[in-house]
Amino acid sequence: RRVSVALFVEAALVNGPIKATFNRS
């Protein structure tokens, strides 16, 4: 459960605000 929740958090952060901030091609 901890791994699955952590992966959800990671995906939300990385694919959301972090990638949007850098927007590298």
PDB file of all heavy atoms in Angstrom:
ATOM      1  N   ARG A   1       0.841  -1.209   0.000  1.00  0.00           N
ATOM      2  CA  ARG A   1       0.000   0.000   0.000  1.00  0.00           C
ATOM      3  C   ARG A   1       0.868   1.247   0.000  1.00  0.00           C
ATOM      4  O   ARG A   1       0.613   2.206  -0.725  1.00  0.00           O
ATOM      5  CB  ARG A   1      -0.939   0.018   1.210  1.00  0.00           C
ATOM      6  CG  ARG A   1      -2.246  -0.693   1.004  1.00  0.00           C
ATOM      7  CD  ARG A   1      -3.232  -0.420   2.128  1.00  0.00           C
ATOM      8  NE  ARG A   1      -2.762  -0.845   3.436  1.00  0.00           N
ATOM      9  CZ  ARG A   1      -2.794  -2.097   3.892  1.00  0.00           C
ATOM     10  NH1 ARG A   1      -3.306  -3.050   3.137  1.00  0.00           N
ATOM     11  NH2 ARG A   1      -2.337  -2.386   5.083  1.00  0.00           N
ATOM     12  N   ARG A   2       1.899   1.234   0.841  1.00  0.00           N
ATOM     13  CA  ARG A   2       2.800   2.380   0.936  1.00  0.00           C
ATOM     14  C   ARG A   2       3.479   2.637  -0.413  1.00  0.00           C
ATOM     15  O   ARG A   2       3.569   3.781  -0.861  1.00  0.00           O
ATOM     16  CB  ARG A   2       3.847   2.145   2.028  1.00  0.00           C
ATOM     17  CG  ARG A   2       4.790   3.319   2.216  1.00  0.00           C
ATOM     18  CD  ARG A   2       5.736   3.089   3.359  1.00  0.00           C
ATOM     19  NE  ARG A   2       6.795   2.171   2.965  1.00  0.00           N
ATOM     20  CZ  ARG A   2       8.023   2.211   3.444  1.00  0.00           C
ATOM     21  NH1 ARG A   2       8.359   3.098   4.363  1.00  0.00           N
ATOM     22  NH2 ARG A   2       8.919   1.360   3.047  1.00  0.00           N
ATOM     23  N   VAL A   3       3.935   1.586  -1.064  1.00  0.00           N
ATOM     24  CA  VAL A   3       4.576   1.746  -2.376  1.00  0.00           C
ATOM     25  C   VAL A   3       3.583   2.311  -3.385  1.00  0.00           C
ATOM     26  O   VAL A   3       3.899   3.245  -4.126  1.00  0.00           O
ATOM     27  CB  VAL A   3       5.175   0.405  -2.864  1.00  0.00           C
ATOM     28  CG1 VAL A   3       5.620   0.499  -4.324  1.00  0.00           C
ATOM     29  CG2 VAL A   3       6.335  -0.018  -1.975  1.00  0.00           C
ATOM     30  N   SER A   4       2.382   1.770  -3.431  1.00  0.00           N
ATOM     31  CA  SER A   4       1.379   2.254  -4.390  1.00  0.00           C
ATOM     32  C   SER A   4       1.014   3.717  -4.135  1.00  0.00           C
ATOM     33  O   SER A   4       0.901   4.511  -5.071  1.00  0.00           O
ATOM     34  CB  SER A   4       0.123   1.375  -4.357  1.00  0.00           C
ATOM     35  OG  SER A   4       0.398   0.127  -4.962  1.00  0.00           O
ATOM     36  N   VAL A   5       0.833   4.083  -2.875  1.00  0.00           N
ATOM     37  CA  VAL A   5       0.532   5.482  -2.549  1.00  0.00           C
ATOM     38  C   VAL A   5       1.713   6.375  -2.918  1.00  0.00           C
ATOM     39  O   VAL A   5       1.545   7.453  -3.495  1.00  0.00           O
ATOM     40  CB  VAL A   5       0.154   5.644  -1.056  1.00  0.00           C
ATOM     41  CG1 VAL A   5       0.115   7.103  -0.639  1.00  0.00           C
ATOM     42  CG2 VAL A   5      -1.184   4.963  -0.784  1.00  0.00           C
ATOM     43  N   ALA A   6       2.923   5.929  -2.601  1.00  0.00           N
ATOM     44  CA  ALA A   6       4.120   6.711  -2.932  1.00  0.00           C
ATOM     45  C   ALA A   6       4.232   6.915  -4.439  1.00  0.00           C
ATOM     46  O   ALA A   6       4.592   8.010  -4.899  1.00  0.00           O
ATOM     47  CB  ALA A   6       5.362   6.017  -2.382  1.00  0.00           C
ATOM     48  N   LEU A   7       3.930   5.888  -5.217  1.00  0.00           N
ATOM     49  CA  LEU A   7       3.990   6.013  -6.671  1.00  0.00           C
ATOM     50  C   LEU A   7       2.921   6.962  -7.191  1.00  0.00           C
ATOM     51  O   LEU A   7       3.144   7.698  -8.159  1.00  0.00           O
ATOM     52  CB  LEU A   7       3.874   4.638  -7.332  1.00  0.00           C
ATOM     53  CG  LEU A   7       5.100   3.744  -7.137  1.00  0.00           C
ATOM     54  CD1 LEU A   7       4.797   2.314  -7.574  1.00  0.00           C
ATOM     55  CD2 LEU A   7       6.312   4.305  -7.876  1.00  0.00           C
ATOM     56  N   PHE A   8       1.764   6.972  -6.555  1.00  0.00           N
ATOM     57  CA  PHE A   8       0.720   7.926  -6.926  1.00  0.00           C
ATOM     58  C   PHE A   8       1.189   9.353  -6.644  1.00  0.00           C
ATOM     59  O   PHE A   8       1.040  10.250  -7.482  1.00  0.00           O
ATOM     60  CB  PHE A   8      -0.581   7.628  -6.172  1.00  0.00           C
ATOM     61  CG  PHE A   8      -1.635   8.664  -6.414  1.00  0.00           C
ATOM     62  CD1 PHE A   8      -2.385   8.659  -7.579  1.00  0.00           C
ATOM     63  CD2 PHE A   8      -1.869   9.666  -5.474  1.00  0.00           C
ATOM     64  CE1 PHE A   8      -3.347   9.631  -7.812  1.00  0.00           C
ATOM     65  CE2 PHE A   8      -2.829  10.637  -5.706  1.00  0.00           C
ATOM     66  CZ  PHE A   8      -3.572  10.618  -6.871  1.00  0.00           C
ATOM     67  N   VAL A   9       1.768   9.566  -5.473  1.00  0.00           N
ATOM     68  CA  VAL A   9       2.284  10.885  -5.102  1.00  0.00           C
ATOM     69  C   VAL A   9       3.388  11.305  -6.066  1.00  0.00           C
ATOM     70  O   VAL A   9       3.406  12.446  -6.556  1.00  0.00           O
ATOM     71  CB  VAL A   9       2.783  10.892  -3.636  1.00  0.00           C
ATOM     72  CG1 VAL A   9       3.570  12.153  -3.318  1.00  0.00           C
ATOM     73  CG2 VAL A   9       1.613  10.714  -2.678  1.00  0.00           C
ATOM     74  N   GLU A  10       4.306  10.396  -6.337  1.00  0.00           N
ATOM     75  CA  GLU A  10       5.406  10.691  -7.272  1.00  0.00           C
ATOM     76  C   GLU A  10       4.852  11.098  -8.631  1.00  0.00           C
ATOM     77  O   GLU A  10       5.279  12.098  -9.210  1.00  0.00           O
ATOM     78  CB  GLU A  10       6.317   9.464  -7.391  1.00  0.00           C
ATOM     79  CG  GLU A  10       7.415   9.580  -8.436  1.00  0.00           C
ATOM     80  CD  GLU A  10       6.974   9.235  -9.839  1.00  0.00           C
ATOM     81  OE1 GLU A  10       6.072   8.395 -10.009  1.00  0.00           O
ATOM     82  OE2 GLU A  10       7.535   9.842 -10.775  1.00  0.00           O
ATOM     83  N   ALA A  11       3.912  10.336  -9.160  1.00  0.00           N
ATOM     84  CA  ALA A  11       3.352  10.642 -10.487  1.00  0.00           C
ATOM     85  C   ALA A  11       2.636  11.984 -10.485  1.00  0.00           C
ATOM     86  O   ALA A  11       2.776  12.770 -11.435  1.00  0.00           O
ATOM     87  CB  ALA A  11       2.404   9.526 -10.917  1.00  0.00           C
ATOM     88  N   ALA A  12       1.879  12.252  -9.433  1.00  0.00           N
ATOM     89  CA  ALA A  12       1.152  13.521  -9.362  1.00  0.00           C
ATOM     90  C   ALA A  12       2.117  14.707  -9.321  1.00  0.00           C
ATOM     91  O   ALA A  12       1.896  15.722  -9.997  1.00  0.00           O
ATOM     92  CB  ALA A  12       0.238  13.533  -8.139  1.00  0.00           C
ATOM     93  N   LEU A  13       3.178  14.580  -8.554  1.00  0.00           N
ATOM     94  CA  LEU A  13       4.152  15.679  -8.456  1.00  0.00           C
ATOM     95  C   LEU A  13       4.981  15.829  -9.729  1.00  0.00           C
ATOM     96  O   LEU A  13       5.121  16.929 -10.271  1.00  0.00           O
ATOM     97  CB  LEU A  13       5.095  15.452  -7.269  1.00  0.00           C
ATOM     98  CG  LEU A  13       4.498  15.635  -5.886  1.00  0.00           C
ATOM     99  CD1 LEU A  13       5.490  15.185  -4.817  1.00  0.00           C
ATOM    100  CD2 LEU A  13       4.102  17.085  -5.668  1.00  0.00           C
ATOM    101  N   VAL A  14       5.539  14.736 -10.202  1.00  0.00           N
ATOM    102  CA  VAL A  14       6.446  14.815 -11.348  1.00  0.00           C
ATOM    103  C   VAL A  14       5.686  15.171 -12.619  1.00  0.00           C
ATOM    104  O   VAL A  14       6.092  16.067 -13.366  1.00  0.00           O
ATOM    105  CB  VAL A  14       7.237  13.500 -11.518  1.00  0.00           C
ATOM    106  CG1 VAL A  14       8.006  13.481 -12.830  1.00  0.00           C
ATOM    107  CG2 VAL A  14       8.187  13.313 -10.346  1.00  0.00           C
ATOM    108  N   ASN A  15       4.584  14.484 -12.890  1.00  0.00           N
ATOM    109  CA  ASN A  15       3.843  14.729 -14.130  1.00  0.00           C
ATOM    110  C   ASN A  15       2.952  15.957 -14.062  1.00  0.00           C
ATOM    111  O   ASN A  15       2.392  16.362 -15.080  1.00  0.00           O
ATOM    112  CB  ASN A  15       3.015  13.499 -14.508  1.00  0.00           C
ATOM    113  CG  ASN A  15       3.897  12.336 -14.858  1.00  0.00           C
ATOM    114  OD1 ASN A  15       4.865  12.484 -15.602  1.00  0.00           O
ATOM    115  ND2 ASN A  15       3.604  11.178 -14.314  1.00  0.00           N
ATOM    116  N   GLY A  16       2.836  16.537 -12.891  1.00  0.00           N
ATOM    117  CA  GLY A  16       2.041  17.752 -12.724  1.00  0.00           C
ATOM    118  C   GLY A  16       2.920  18.982 -12.627  1.00  0.00           C
ATOM    119  O   GLY A  16       3.511  19.422 -13.622  1.00  0.00           O
ATOM    120  N   PRO A  17       3.059  19.515 -11.418  1.00  0.00           N
ATOM    121  CA  PRO A  17       3.747  20.802 -11.277  1.00  0.00           C
ATOM    122  C   PRO A  17       5.234  20.793 -11.652  1.00  0.00           C
ATOM    123  O   PRO A  17       5.733  21.786 -12.179  1.00  0.00           O
ATOM    124  CB  PRO A  17       3.576  21.145  -9.789  1.00  0.00           C
ATOM    125  CG  PRO A  17       3.219  19.866  -9.120  1.00  0.00           C
ATOM    126  CD  PRO A  17       2.534  19.015 -10.149  1.00  0.00           C
ATOM    127  N   ILE A  18       5.931  19.693 -11.429  1.00  0.00           N
ATOM    128  CA  ILE A  18       7.369  19.712 -11.728  1.00  0.00           C
ATOM    129  C   ILE A  18       7.601  19.795 -13.239  1.00  0.00           C
ATOM    130  O   ILE A  18       8.328  20.664 -13.725  1.00  0.00           O
ATOM    131  CB  ILE A  18       8.096  18.507 -11.101  1.00  0.00           C
ATOM    132  CG1 ILE A  18       8.014  18.579  -9.570  1.00  0.00           C
ATOM    133  CG2 ILE A  18       9.546  18.464 -11.553  1.00  0.00           C
ATOM    134  CD1 ILE A  18       8.580  17.368  -8.845  1.00  0.00           C
ATOM    135  N   LYS A  19       6.975  18.911 -14.007  1.00  0.00           N
ATOM    136  CA  LYS A  19       7.156  18.962 -15.461  1.00  0.00           C
ATOM    137  C   LYS A  19       6.594  20.257 -16.050  1.00  0.00           C
ATOM    138  O   LYS A  19       7.181  20.817 -16.982  1.00  0.00           O
ATOM    139  CB  LYS A  19       6.512  17.750 -16.129  1.00  0.00           C
ATOM    140  CG  LYS A  19       7.333  16.484 -15.961  1.00  0.00           C
ATOM    141  CD  LYS A  19       6.780  15.352 -16.793  1.00  0.00           C
ATOM    142  CE  LYS A  19       7.589  14.104 -16.567  1.00  0.00           C
ATOM    143  NZ  LYS A  19       8.084  13.496 -17.766  1.00  0.00           N
ATOM    144  N   ALA A  20       5.490  20.737 -15.502  1.00  0.00           N
ATOM    145  CA  ALA A  20       4.906  21.986 -16.006  1.00  0.00           C
ATOM    146  C   ALA A  20       5.839  23.168 -15.770  1.00  0.00           C
ATOM    147  O   ALA A  20       5.904  24.094 -16.582  1.00  0.00           O
ATOM    148  CB  ALA A  20       3.550  22.231 -15.352  1.00  0.00           C
ATOM    149  N   THR A  21       6.577  23.143 -14.677  1.00  0.00           N
ATOM    150  CA  THR A  21       7.508  24.233 -14.369  1.00  0.00           C
ATOM    151  C   THR A  21       8.629  24.310 -15.393  1.00  0.00           C
ATOM    152  O   THR A  21       9.024  25.397 -15.811  1.00  0.00           O
ATOM    153  CB  THR A  21       8.104  24.036 -12.959  1.00  0.00           C
ATOM    154  OG1 THR A  21       7.043  24.074 -12.007  1.00  0.00           O
ATOM    155  CG2 THR A  21       9.134  25.108 -12.636  1.00  0.00           C
ATOM    156  N   PHE A  22       9.143  23.151 -15.821  1.00  0.00           N
ATOM    157  CA  PHE A  22      10.296  23.152 -16.716  1.00  0.00           C
ATOM    158  C   PHE A  22       9.915  23.083 -18.189  1.00  0.00           C
ATOM    159  O   PHE A  22      10.576  23.656 -19.027  1.00  0.00           O
ATOM    160  CB  PHE A  22      11.253  22.013 -16.336  1.00  0.00           C
ATOM    161  CG  PHE A  22      11.867  22.237 -14.998  1.00  0.00           C
ATOM    162  CD1 PHE A  22      11.361  21.610 -13.872  1.00  0.00           C
ATOM    163  CD2 PHE A  22      12.924  23.109 -14.847  1.00  0.00           C
ATOM    164  CE1 PHE A  22      11.909  21.831 -12.622  1.00  0.00           C
ATOM    165  CE2 PHE A  22      13.487  23.350 -13.612  1.00  0.00           C
ATOM    166  CZ  PHE A  22      12.973  22.707 -12.491  1.00  0.00           C
ATOM    167  N   ASN A  23       8.868  22.365 -18.513  1.00  0.00           N
ATOM    168  CA  ASN A  23       8.339  22.287 -19.877  1.00  0.00           C
ATOM    169  C   ASN A  23       9.435  22.103 -20.934  1.00  0.00           C
ATOM    170  O   ASN A  23       9.482  22.817 -21.919  1.00  0.00           O
ATOM    171  CB  ASN A  23       7.493  23.524 -20.181  1.00  0.00           C
ATOM    172  CG  ASN A  23       6.592  23.294 -21.367  1.00  0.00           C
ATOM    173  OD1 ASN A  23       6.223  22.161 -21.665  1.00  0.00           O
ATOM    174  ND2 ASN A  23       6.238  24.359 -22.054  1.00  0.00           N
ATOM    175  N   ARG A  24      10.306  21.143 -20.714  1.00  0.00           N
ATOM    176  CA  ARG A  24      11.395  20.860 -21.650  1.00  0.00           C
ATOM    177  C   ARG A  24      10.909  19.958 -22.773  1.00  0.00           C
ATOM    178  O   ARG A  24      10.186  18.986 -22.542  1.00  0.00           O
ATOM    179  CB  ARG A  24      12.538  20.182 -20.908  1.00  0.00           C
ATOM    180  CG  ARG A  24      13.755  19.935 -21.789  1.00  0.00           C
ATOM    181  CD  ARG A  24      14.855  19.250 -21.020  1.00  0.00           C
ATOM    182  NE  ARG A  24      16.115  19.291 -21.749  1.00  0.00           N
ATOM    183  CZ  ARG A  24      17.181  18.611 -21.382  1.00  0.00           C
ATOM    184  NH1 ARG A  24      17.168  17.861 -20.287  1.00  0.00           N
ATOM    185  NH2 ARG A  24      18.289  18.691 -22.084  1.00  0.00           N
ATOM    186  N   SER A  25      11.341  20.254 -23.979  1.00  0.00           N
ATOM    187  CA  SER A  25      10.945  19.413 -25.102  1.00  0.00           C
ATOM    188  C   SER A  25      11.711  18.094 -25.063  1.00  0.00           C
ATOM    189  O   SER A  25      12.818  18.014 -24.549  1.00  0.00           O
ATOM    190  CB  SER A  25      11.186  20.132 -26.429  1.00  0.00           C
ATOM    191  OG  SER A  25      12.551  20.431 -26.568  1.00  0.00           O
TER     192      SER A  25
END
